[in-house]
C-alpha atoms as a PDB file:
ATOM      1  CA  MET A   1     101.453   3.789  34.524  1.00  0.00           C
ATOM      2  CA  PHE A   2     102.769   0.351  35.504  1.00  0.00           C
ATOM      3  CA  ALA A   3     102.366   0.785  39.258  1.00  0.00           C
ATOM      4  CA  ARG A   4      99.722  -1.916  39.449  1.00  0.00           C
ATOM      5  CA  TYR A   5     100.823  -4.053  36.363  1.00  0.00           C
ATOM      6  CA  GLU A   6     100.188  -7.301  38.283  1.00  0.00           C
ATOM      7  CA  ASN A   7      96.580  -6.562  38.571  1.00  0.00           C
ATOM      8  CA  MET A   8      95.970  -4.944  35.145  1.00  0.00           C
ATOM      9  CA  ASP A   9      93.892  -6.505  32.640  1.00  0.00           C
ATOM     10  CA  PRO A  10      96.412  -8.659  30.599  1.00  0.00           C
ATOM     11  CA  TYR A  11      95.211  -7.440  27.347  1.00  0.00           C
ATOM     12  CA  ILE A  12      95.633  -3.622  28.368  1.00  0.00           C
ATOM     13  CA  LEU A  13      99.018  -4.502  29.832  1.00  0.00           C
ATOM     14  CA  LEU A  14     100.041  -6.212  26.652  1.00  0.00           C
ATOM     15  CA  SER A  15      99.065  -3.068  24.690  1.00  0.00           C
ATOM     16  CA  ALA A  16     100.860  -0.628  26.997  1.00  0.00           C
ATOM     17  CA  VAL A  17     104.000  -2.829  27.262  1.00  0.00           C
ATOM     18  CA  ASN A  18     104.415  -3.252  23.554  1.00  0.00           C
ATOM     19  CA  LEU A  19     103.568   0.598  23.113  1.00  0.00           C
ATOM     20  CA  LYS A  20     106.298   1.561  25.509  1.00  0.00           C
ATOM     21  CA  MET A  21     108.986  -0.815  24.076  1.00  0.00           C
ATOM     22  CA  ARG A  22     108.279   0.368  20.470  1.00  0.00           C
ATOM     23  CA  ASN A  23     108.000   4.141  21.300  1.00  0.00           C
ATOM     24  CA  GLU A  24     111.079   4.230  23.685  1.00  0.00           C
ATOM     25  CA  ASN A  25     112.988   1.586  21.744  1.00  0.00           C
ATOM     26  CA  LEU A  26     113.467  -0.514  24.721  1.00  0.00           C
ATOM     27  CA  ASP A  27     113.936  -4.274  25.213  1.00  0.00           C
ATOM     28  CA  LEU A  28     112.185  -6.116  27.922  1.00  0.00           C
ATOM     29  CA  ALA A  29     114.959  -5.964  30.488  1.00  0.00           C
ATOM     30  CA  GLU A  30     115.345  -2.129  29.751  1.00  0.00           C
ATOM     31  CA  LEU A  31     111.529  -1.707  30.152  1.00  0.00           C
ATOM     32  CA  CYS A  32     111.474  -3.514  33.406  1.00  0.00           C
ATOM     33  CA  THR A  33     114.400  -1.459  34.835  1.00  0.00           C
ATOM     34  CA  THR A  34     112.956   1.797  33.698  1.00  0.00           C
ATOM     35  CA  TYR A  35     109.566   1.197  35.215  1.00  0.00           C
ATOM     36  CA  GLU A  36     110.722  -0.893  38.040  1.00  0.00           C
ATOM     37  CA  MET A  37     108.800  -4.056  37.237  1.00  0.00           C
ATOM     38  CA  ASP A  38     109.888  -7.669  37.919  1.00  0.00           C
ATOM     39  CA  GLU A  39     110.650  -9.217  34.518  1.00  0.00           C
ATOM     40  CA  HIS A  40     109.500 -12.711  35.605  1.00  0.00           C
ATOM     41  CA  LYS A  41     106.268 -11.610  37.013  1.00  0.00           C
ATOM     42  CA  LEU A  42     105.499  -9.550  33.814  1.00  0.00           C
ATOM     43  CA  THR A  43     106.355 -12.495  31.454  1.00  0.00           C
ATOM     44  CA  LYS A  44     104.426 -14.826  33.551  1.00  0.00           C
ATOM     45  CA  ARG A  45     101.367 -12.638  33.614  1.00  0.00           C
ATOM     46  CA  LEU A  46     101.517 -12.198  29.859  1.00  0.00           C
ATOM     47  CA  LYS A  47     102.197 -15.912  29.191  1.00  0.00           C
ATOM     48  CA  SER A  48      99.094 -16.741  31.246  1.00  0.00           C
ATOM     49  CA  VAL A  49      96.992 -15.452  28.401  1.00  0.00           C
ATOM     50  CA  GLY A  50      99.147 -16.897  25.616  1.00  0.00           C
ATOM     51  CA  PHE A  51     101.857 -14.236  24.919  1.00  0.00           C
ATOM     52  CA  SER A  52     105.589 -14.663  25.023  1.00  0.00           C
ATOM     53  CA  TYR A  53     108.460 -12.176  24.537  1.00  0.00           C
ATOM     54  CA  ASP A  54     109.972 -12.004  20.922  1.00  0.00           C
ATOM     55  CA  LYS A  55     113.496 -10.708  21.409  1.00  0.00           C
ATOM     56  CA  GLU A  56     114.100  -9.979  17.797  1.00  0.00           C
ATOM     57  CA  GLN A  57     110.898  -7.913  17.624  1.00  0.00           C
ATOM     58  CA  LYS A  58     111.225  -6.527  21.011  1.00  0.00           C
ATOM     59  CA  GLN A  59     107.496  -7.148  21.602  1.00  0.00           C
ATOM     60  CA  PHE A  60     105.161  -9.771  23.176  1.00  0.00           C
ATOM     61  CA  ARG A  61     103.285 -11.848  20.512  1.00  0.00           C
END
């Protein structure tokens, strides 16, 4: 699902990432480890469209 996350539409990526973190009860680090994603690249990609990670909520907002 996240094999090409760097090229995904950022809003679809946002939805998929938040869905996985919510459904699997993962934080950002666990999500990135589980799906072999670079945390910095993911965060930068979502920040480019105005979203940042909320540690307490375990989601990008």
